[in-house]
Amino acid sequence: MIKRTIAVALAFCCIVLTSGCWDAIELNRRAVVSGIGIDHAPGEEGLLMVTFQVIIADEISGKTGRGATPTSVYYGKGHTISEAIRNASRQVPRLTSTAHTRLIVISESIARKGIAEIMDFLDRDSDIRLSSDVVIAKENLTAEEVTASLTPIGKIMAYSLSEKVEFASSQLGENYPMAIDDIMRDLLIPGGGPVINGLEVFGDVSGLGKKSNLESVRSSLIVIGAPAIFKGDKLVDWLSPNESRGMVWMKNKMKKTSLVLQPDQEIGSMGMDVIRSKTDLKAKLDDPLHPVIQVGVKLQLSVRDVNTPIDLKQPEVLHMIEAKANEEIVRDLQAVVQKAQLAKSDIFGFGGVIERQSPAVWKKIEGQWEDLFPQIKVEYNVDSVIRNTQLRDRSYKFHQR
């Protein structure tokens, strides 16, 4: 009898625990947000305008579509992001659901004043995923214009832009994905700050949100631009293409990129593809108050374009090309280090390199790091190896000389 009573009690407890989700909300009562844009509210000092790109499921499925745009835009204003989201409920006939947000767009004007409050909300919110990408809309573009734009490839702009960042990282080598959790870690770097990808417009800004933009061969597009560097939580400068590539190399994020070289005493140029790359950072601490950062880059190259009559069958020629590639990469690395030192922002985490190698040394200089970083010496050692010349060695021009 006692065993039966216990079994009934356990069964009752299991029934109670598996009774369902008490706060569940059906999909047809949710407005699924794919992208969020954050601007200053026009003409209203101290207020934020938060824009939501909401997916229209009927248009995405294609079965019950009415020929409308695949996304719609709603916005709310408030002193904080959470207040703006609440105010947006006046416009959206469903519960705003941010669990599937892939992209957070922050305007440059906000980024220059500081993103600490925004990042705190994004990191604290239980719905927004920490893997969501964060980008900065450059000065001539607002976050609202980005979230309201339509794209000819991919129905949802936020997802399309997130994929652009990924493919630009794997092919061009001047950007890499920067998610919420990455930025939170970079904000904690002593004397440093995050690096966040920028967005630019290609074409007419006014055409971005029009359906006719999808029907044009030459559409207005949002493109991935050079990244911004931050000092703490404030945007301080933008990187050039060469500085961006140097930054990706320094961060050991390089997957692929192209190098254009001009061999010595030859007419024409050569195009090389970087097919593998690895970067190591070390600290030389002979003088604790004057540490030296050693940057080592090892990479493999593939010859892609040869517009010169040089003989690629000769080992000394290949060594000369490798030396030219080393010089090109060192210039990129030097350029981005100089930019970071001028901004007084340790975006590379040099302080962390010193701390990992010698906690005792770091304890001595931690309080002076703000002053030491702009003067720190950096040594570069780049080792390139040409692995292949594709399906041909000597070029057509070699036989014509």
Protein backbone atom coordinates (compact mmCIF):
# COMPACT_ATOMS: atom_id res chain seq x y z
CA MET A 1 0.00 0.00 0.00
CA ILE A 2 2.84 2.38 0.89
CA LYS A 3 4.63 1.57 -2.36
CA ARG A 4 1.44 2.25 -4.32
CA THR A 5 0.97 5.60 -2.56
CA ILE A 6 4.56 6.60 -3.34
CA ALA A 7 4.14 5.58 -6.99
CA VAL A 8 0.94 7.63 -7.30
CA ALA A 9 2.64 10.64 -5.69
CA LEU A 10 5.60 10.38 -8.06
CA ALA A 11 3.29 10.05 -11.05
CA PHE A 12 1.37 13.14 -9.93
CA CYS A 13 4.61 15.12 -9.59
CA CYS A 14 5.69 14.08 -13.09
CA ILE A 15 2.32 15.14 -14.50
CA VAL A 16 2.64 18.54 -12.85
CA LEU A 17 6.20 19.04 -14.13
CA THR A 18 5.28 18.08 -17.71
CA SER A 19 2.05 20.01 -17.92
CA GLY A 20 3.34 22.38 -20.65
CA CYS A 21 4.74 25.90 -20.94
CA TRP A 22 2.66 28.24 -18.85
CA ASP A 23 3.95 31.32 -20.69
CA ALA A 24 3.95 29.91 -24.23
CA ILE A 25 2.89 32.24 -27.03
CA GLU A 26 1.89 30.79 -30.40
CA LEU A 27 3.84 31.74 -33.53
CA ASN A 28 0.83 33.47 -35.08
CA ARG A 29 0.94 35.92 -32.17
CA ARG A 30 4.65 36.72 -32.52
CA ALA A 31 6.42 39.29 -34.70
CA VAL A 32 9.78 37.64 -35.47
CA VAL A 33 12.56 40.25 -35.58
CA SER A 34 15.50 39.57 -37.91
CA GLY A 35 17.43 42.82 -37.45
CA ILE A 36 17.60 45.74 -35.00
CA GLY A 37 18.79 49.26 -35.81
CA ILE A 38 19.72 51.82 -33.15
CA ASP A 39 19.85 55.57 -33.92
CA HIS A 40 19.45 58.83 -32.08
CA ALA A 41 15.82 59.93 -32.31
CA PRO A 42 15.71 62.83 -34.82
CA GLY A 43 15.13 66.15 -33.08
CA GLU A 44 14.67 64.58 -29.64
CA GLU A 45 17.68 65.01 -27.40
CA GLY A 46 18.50 62.03 -25.21
CA LEU A 47 16.10 59.60 -26.91
CA LEU A 48 16.99 56.47 -28.87
CA MET A 49 15.09 55.28 -31.92
CA VAL A 50 15.13 51.49 -32.19
CA THR A 51 14.06 50.02 -35.52
CA PHE A 52 12.89 46.43 -35.91
CA GLN A 53 12.99 44.52 -39.17
CA VAL A 54 10.11 42.05 -38.85
CA ILE A 55 9.77 39.00 -41.08
CA ILE A 56 6.44 38.61 -42.92
CA ALA A 57 6.07 34.85 -42.87
CA ASP A 58 3.40 34.72 -45.58
CA GLU A 59 5.74 36.41 -48.08
CA ILE A 60 8.71 34.26 -47.14
CA SER A 61 6.82 30.98 -47.60
CA GLY A 62 5.59 31.97 -51.05
CA LYS A 63 2.37 29.97 -50.72
CA THR A 64 0.05 32.59 -49.32
CA GLY A 65 2.01 35.66 -50.35
CA ARG A 66 0.28 38.82 -51.50
CA GLY A 67 3.23 40.15 -53.48
CA ALA A 68 4.32 42.46 -50.67
CA THR A 69 7.84 42.99 -49.34
CA PRO A 70 9.30 40.06 -47.31
CA THR A 71 9.97 42.28 -44.29
CA SER A 72 8.35 45.25 -42.59
CA VAL A 73 9.86 47.89 -40.34
CA TYR A 74 8.54 49.21 -37.01
CA TYR A 75 10.21 51.48 -34.52
CA GLY A 76 9.95 52.73 -30.98
CA LYS A 77 11.54 55.59 -29.07
CA GLY A 78 12.80 55.67 -25.53
CA HIS A 79 15.57 56.68 -23.16
CA THR A 80 16.68 53.04 -23.11
CA ILE A 81 16.41 50.19 -25.61
CA SER A 82 13.97 48.27 -23.41
CA GLU A 83 11.68 51.32 -23.21
CA ALA A 84 11.85 51.71 -26.99
CA ILE A 85 10.87 48.06 -27.45
CA ARG A 86 7.86 48.55 -25.19
CA ASN A 87 6.82 51.67 -27.10
CA ALA A 88 7.03 49.76 -30.38
CA SER A 89 4.06 47.66 -29.22
CA ARG A 90 1.85 50.58 -30.29
CA GLN A 91 2.72 49.79 -33.91
CA VAL A 92 3.20 46.01 -33.95
CA PRO A 93 0.03 43.93 -33.64
CA ARG A 94 1.99 41.01 -32.15
CA LEU A 95 4.54 40.33 -29.45
CA THR A 96 7.99 41.51 -30.59
CA SER A 97 10.19 38.39 -30.54
CA THR A 98 13.96 39.01 -30.81
CA ALA A 99 15.14 35.41 -30.38
CA HIS A 100 15.97 35.08 -34.10
CA THR A 101 17.74 38.43 -34.48
CA ARG A 102 20.88 37.98 -36.62
CA LEU A 103 22.08 41.57 -36.97
CA ILE A 104 22.42 44.61 -34.70
CA VAL A 105 23.08 47.89 -36.56
CA ILE A 106 24.38 50.88 -34.57
CA SER A 107 24.69 54.33 -36.12
CA GLU A 108 28.10 56.02 -36.17
CA SER A 109 26.83 58.99 -34.13
CA ILE A 110 25.83 56.68 -31.28
CA ALA A 111 29.05 54.66 -31.54
CA ARG A 112 31.14 57.83 -31.16
CA LYS A 113 29.31 58.71 -27.94
CA GLY A 114 29.60 55.19 -26.51
CA ILE A 115 28.00 51.75 -26.88
CA ALA A 116 28.36 50.55 -23.27
CA GLU A 117 24.65 50.91 -22.48
CA ILE A 118 23.65 49.18 -25.72
CA MET A 119 26.05 46.28 -25.23
CA ASP A 120 24.89 45.85 -21.62
CA PHE A 121 21.31 45.42 -22.82
CA LEU A 122 22.28 43.02 -25.63
CA ASP A 123 24.41 40.93 -23.27
CA ARG A 124 21.80 40.94 -20.50
CA ASP A 125 18.69 40.23 -22.59
CA SER A 126 17.61 36.58 -22.40
CA ASP A 127 16.12 36.48 -25.92
CA ILE A 128 18.80 38.03 -28.14
CA ARG A 129 21.52 35.53 -28.95
CA LEU A 130 25.13 36.41 -28.14
CA SER A 131 26.10 35.12 -31.59
CA SER A 132 24.22 37.96 -33.33
CA ASP A 133 26.48 40.11 -35.53
CA VAL A 134 27.05 43.78 -34.66
CA VAL A 135 27.89 46.39 -37.33
CA ILE A 136 28.26 50.17 -37.51
CA ALA A 137 26.39 52.24 -40.13
CA LYS A 138 28.79 54.89 -41.42
CA GLU A 139 28.03 58.60 -41.16
CA ASN A 140 26.04 58.98 -44.41
CA LEU A 141 23.82 56.02 -43.51
CA THR A 142 21.42 55.50 -40.61
CA ALA A 143 20.64 52.25 -38.85
CA GLU A 144 16.97 52.77 -39.77
CA GLU A 145 17.86 52.92 -43.49
CA VAL A 146 19.81 49.69 -43.17
CA THR A 147 17.02 47.78 -41.42
CA ALA A 148 14.46 49.12 -43.90
CA SER A 149 16.49 48.10 -46.96
CA LEU A 150 15.65 45.25 -49.32
CA THR A 151 18.17 42.95 -50.95
CA PRO A 152 17.92 41.19 -54.35
CA ILE A 153 19.85 38.13 -53.10
CA GLY A 154 18.20 36.68 -50.03
CA LYS A 155 14.79 37.84 -48.96
CA ILE A 156 15.76 39.04 -45.48
CA MET A 157 18.29 41.88 -45.40
CA ALA A 158 19.58 41.16 -41.88
CA TYR A 159 20.41 37.56 -42.74
CA SER A 160 21.92 38.63 -46.07
CA LEU A 161 24.23 41.17 -44.41
CA SER A 162 25.29 38.63 -41.81
CA GLU A 163 26.26 36.27 -44.61
CA LYS A 164 28.11 39.07 -46.43
CA VAL A 165 30.31 39.53 -43.36
CA GLU A 166 31.02 35.80 -43.29
CA PHE A 167 31.91 35.55 -46.99
CA ALA A 168 33.96 38.76 -46.96
CA SER A 169 35.94 37.23 -44.08
CA SER A 170 36.58 33.98 -45.94
CA GLN A 171 37.45 35.56 -49.31
CA LEU A 172 38.69 39.16 -48.99
CA GLY A 173 40.47 39.11 -45.65
CA GLU A 174 39.66 42.67 -44.57
CA ASN A 175 36.85 41.79 -42.14
CA TYR A 176 35.80 39.05 -39.78
CA PRO A 177 32.49 38.39 -37.98
CA MET A 178 32.10 40.34 -34.73
CA ALA A 179 29.32 39.05 -32.47
CA ILE A 180 27.93 40.42 -29.21
CA ASP A 181 30.05 38.16 -26.99
CA ASP A 182 33.21 39.05 -28.97
CA ILE A 183 32.60 42.75 -28.38
CA MET A 184 31.92 42.22 -24.67
CA ARG A 185 35.28 40.45 -24.32
CA ASP A 186 37.10 43.20 -26.23
CA LEU A 187 35.52 45.89 -24.06
CA LEU A 188 37.28 44.29 -21.09
CA ILE A 189 40.76 44.53 -22.66
CA PRO A 190 42.83 46.95 -20.52
CA GLY A 191 43.46 50.11 -22.53
CA GLY A 192 41.82 48.59 -25.60
CA GLY A 193 38.47 48.26 -27.29
CA PRO A 194 36.62 46.30 -29.95
CA VAL A 195 36.91 46.38 -33.73
CA ILE A 196 33.48 46.43 -35.42
CA ASN A 197 32.67 46.11 -39.12
CA GLY A 198 31.27 49.14 -40.94
CA LEU A 199 28.45 49.38 -43.47
CA GLU A 200 28.40 51.57 -46.58
CA VAL A 201 25.83 52.15 -49.29
CA PHE A 202 26.53 51.41 -52.94
CA GLY A 203 24.10 53.41 -55.06
CA ASP A 204 21.21 55.65 -54.07
CA VAL A 205 20.29 55.59 -50.37
CA SER A 206 16.68 56.56 -51.12
CA GLY A 207 16.21 53.40 -53.19
CA LEU A 208 17.23 50.94 -50.50
CA GLY A 209 13.77 50.39 -49.05
CA LYS A 210 11.77 50.44 -52.29
CA LYS A 211 10.38 47.28 -53.84
CA SER A 212 11.55 48.57 -57.22
CA ASN A 213 15.10 48.05 -55.93
CA LEU A 214 14.49 44.30 -56.21
CA GLU A 215 13.42 44.63 -59.83
CA SER A 216 16.47 46.59 -61.01
CA VAL A 217 19.60 45.03 -62.52
CA ARG A 218 21.72 47.67 -60.79
CA SER A 219 20.24 47.72 -57.32
CA SER A 220 21.24 49.97 -54.45
CA LEU A 221 23.14 47.80 -51.99
CA ILE A 222 24.42 47.83 -48.44
CA VAL A 223 28.04 46.62 -48.56
CA ILE A 224 30.54 45.64 -45.90
CA GLY A 225 33.06 48.44 -45.42
CA ALA A 226 36.26 48.86 -43.44
CA PRO A 227 36.01 48.24 -39.68
CA ALA A 228 35.95 50.88 -36.96
CA ILE A 229 38.32 50.84 -34.01
CA PHE A 230 37.17 51.77 -30.52
CA LYS A 231 38.85 53.20 -27.46
CA GLY A 232 36.88 51.67 -24.65
CA ASP A 233 33.26 51.84 -25.80
CA LYS A 234 33.70 54.87 -28.11
CA LEU A 235 34.42 54.81 -31.83
CA VAL A 236 37.60 56.79 -32.52
CA ASP A 237 38.60 56.02 -36.12
CA TRP A 238 38.04 53.96 -39.26
CA LEU A 239 40.62 51.66 -40.80
CA SER A 240 41.74 51.82 -44.43
CA PRO A 241 41.66 48.61 -46.56
CA ASN A 242 45.37 47.91 -45.97
CA GLU A 243 45.04 48.61 -42.25
CA SER A 244 41.98 46.35 -42.14
CA ARG A 245 43.95 43.49 -43.68
CA GLY A 246 46.80 44.09 -41.24
CA MET A 247 44.31 43.99 -38.38
CA VAL A 248 42.90 40.65 -39.57
CA TRP A 249 46.44 39.26 -39.78
CA MET A 250 47.29 40.56 -36.32
CA LYS A 251 44.14 38.96 -34.86
CA ASN A 252 45.00 35.61 -36.53
CA LYS A 253 41.67 35.71 -38.38
CA MET A 254 43.10 35.56 -41.91
CA LYS A 255 41.56 32.84 -44.08
CA LYS A 256 42.14 34.02 -47.65
CA THR A 257 43.15 37.23 -49.36
CA SER A 258 44.94 38.49 -52.47
CA LEU A 259 48.30 40.21 -52.78
CA VAL A 260 49.38 42.25 -55.82
CA LEU A 261 53.17 42.34 -56.14
CA GLN A 262 55.53 44.25 -58.41
CA PRO A 263 58.70 42.14 -58.88
CA ASP A 264 61.97 44.06 -58.95
CA GLN A 265 63.34 45.19 -62.33
CA GLU A 266 60.40 43.69 -64.19
CA ILE A 267 57.53 45.18 -66.13
CA GLY A 268 54.12 44.03 -64.96
CA SER A 269 52.64 42.65 -61.78
CA MET A 270 51.66 39.40 -60.11
CA GLY A 271 48.57 38.35 -58.24
CA MET A 272 48.97 35.96 -55.31
CA ASP A 273 46.36 34.22 -53.19
CA VAL A 274 46.96 33.56 -49.51
CA ILE A 275 45.67 30.04 -48.91
CA ARG A 276 46.82 29.49 -45.29
CA SER A 277 48.00 31.81 -42.56
CA LYS A 278 48.89 31.67 -38.88
CA THR A 279 49.92 34.53 -36.58
CA ASP A 280 51.65 34.24 -33.22
CA LEU A 281 52.18 37.08 -30.72
CA LYS A 282 54.93 36.94 -28.15
CA ALA A 283 56.46 39.44 -25.74
CA LYS A 284 60.18 40.06 -25.13
CA LEU A 285 60.46 41.19 -21.52
CA ASP A 286 64.19 41.77 -20.99
CA ASP A 287 63.32 45.29 -19.84
CA PRO A 288 59.92 45.08 -18.07
CA LEU A 289 59.28 48.81 -18.47
CA HIS A 290 59.99 48.63 -22.22
CA PRO A 291 58.41 45.39 -23.46
CA VAL A 292 58.74 44.39 -27.11
CA ILE A 293 55.94 42.60 -28.97
CA GLN A 294 57.09 40.05 -31.55
CA VAL A 295 54.63 39.32 -34.36
CA GLY A 296 55.24 36.14 -36.33
CA VAL A 297 53.21 35.37 -39.46
CA LYS A 298 53.57 32.17 -41.47
CA LEU A 299 51.59 31.84 -44.69
CA GLN A 300 51.31 29.85 -47.89
CA LEU A 301 50.79 31.46 -51.29
CA SER A 302 49.38 30.39 -54.62
CA VAL A 303 50.27 32.18 -57.87
CA ARG A 304 47.08 33.33 -59.62
CA ASP A 305 47.97 36.07 -62.15
CA VAL A 306 51.29 36.62 -63.91
CA ASN A 307 51.55 39.79 -65.99
CA THR A 308 55.34 39.68 -66.25
CA PRO A 309 57.93 37.61 -68.20
CA ILE A 310 59.73 36.27 -65.11
CA ASP A 311 60.64 32.57 -65.03
CA LEU A 312 58.68 30.83 -62.28
CA LYS A 313 60.72 27.65 -62.77
CA GLN A 314 63.73 29.26 -61.12
CA PRO A 315 63.93 28.77 -57.32
CA GLU A 316 65.68 32.13 -56.83
CA VAL A 317 62.79 33.87 -58.61
CA LEU A 318 60.28 32.22 -56.27
CA HIS A 319 62.37 33.27 -53.24
CA MET A 320 62.42 36.85 -54.54
CA ILE A 321 58.61 36.84 -54.88
CA GLU A 322 58.25 35.44 -51.35
CA ALA A 323 60.45 38.25 -50.04
CA LYS A 324 58.26 40.84 -51.80
CA ALA A 325 55.16 39.25 -50.24
CA ASN A 326 56.79 39.45 -46.81
CA GLU A 327 57.46 43.17 -47.29
CA GLU A 328 53.86 43.80 -48.37
CA ILE A 329 52.43 42.07 -45.30
CA VAL A 330 54.82 43.87 -42.94
CA ARG A 331 53.62 47.20 -44.37
CA ASP A 332 50.01 46.23 -43.61
CA LEU A 333 50.92 45.20 -40.06
CA GLN A 334 52.92 48.37 -39.43
CA ALA A 335 50.08 50.53 -40.76
CA VAL A 336 47.44 49.12 -38.41
CA VAL A 337 49.79 49.18 -35.39
CA GLN A 338 50.54 52.84 -36.08
CA LYS A 339 46.80 53.61 -36.35
CA ALA A 340 46.06 51.82 -33.06
CA GLN A 341 48.91 53.57 -31.27
CA LEU A 342 47.74 56.96 -32.51
CA ALA A 343 44.27 56.10 -31.18
CA LYS A 344 45.89 54.85 -27.93
CA SER A 345 43.74 51.72 -28.13
CA ASP A 346 45.22 48.26 -27.61
CA ILE A 347 42.83 46.54 -30.02
CA PHE A 348 45.25 43.62 -30.45
CA GLY A 349 45.43 42.63 -26.79
CA PHE A 350 49.19 43.17 -26.44
CA GLY A 351 48.65 43.65 -22.70
CA GLY A 352 47.07 40.20 -22.51
CA VAL A 353 50.10 38.70 -24.28
CA ILE A 354 52.40 40.18 -21.63
CA GLU A 355 50.14 39.07 -18.79
CA ARG A 356 50.01 35.46 -20.03
CA GLN A 357 53.80 35.27 -20.39
CA SER A 358 54.64 37.00 -17.11
CA PRO A 359 51.90 37.95 -14.65
CA ALA A 360 54.54 39.55 -12.43
CA VAL A 361 55.71 41.91 -15.18
CA TRP A 362 52.15 42.79 -16.09
CA LYS A 363 51.37 43.63 -12.49
CA LYS A 364 54.21 46.17 -12.55
CA ILE A 365 53.18 47.92 -15.76
CA GLU A 366 49.39 47.49 -15.73
CA GLY A 367 48.84 50.93 -14.22
CA GLN A 368 51.08 52.54 -16.85
CA TRP A 369 49.77 50.59 -19.86
CA GLU A 370 47.77 53.54 -21.20
CA ASP A 371 51.04 55.48 -21.56
CA LEU A 372 53.26 52.53 -22.55
CA PHE A 373 51.14 51.17 -25.41
CA PRO A 374 51.53 54.14 -27.80
CA GLN A 375 55.34 53.85 -27.54
CA ILE A 376 55.68 50.06 -27.45
CA LYS A 377 58.10 48.56 -29.96
CA VAL A 378 56.80 45.88 -32.31
CA GLU A 379 59.01 43.47 -34.28
CA TYR A 380 57.73 41.65 -37.36
CA ASN A 381 58.79 38.31 -38.80
CA VAL A 382 56.82 37.19 -41.86
CA ASP A 383 57.63 33.90 -43.60
CA SER A 384 55.89 33.28 -46.95
CA VAL A 385 56.10 30.08 -48.97
CA ILE A 386 54.78 29.65 -52.54
CA ARG A 387 53.05 26.28 -52.58
CA ASN A 388 51.87 26.18 -56.19
CA THR A 389 51.53 28.10 -59.43
CA GLN A 390 48.19 26.51 -60.35
CA LEU A 391 48.23 24.69 -63.74
CA ARG A 392 51.07 26.66 -65.33
CA ASP A 393 54.52 27.90 -64.36
CA ARG A 394 55.92 30.23 -67.03
CA SER A 395 53.49 32.82 -68.31
CA TYR A 396 52.61 33.62 -71.93
CA LYS A 397 54.76 36.77 -71.67
CA PHE A 398 57.84 34.67 -70.85
CA HIS A 399 57.70 33.06 -74.29
CA GLN A 400 57.17 36.42 -76.00
CA ARG A 401 60.17 38.24 -74.58
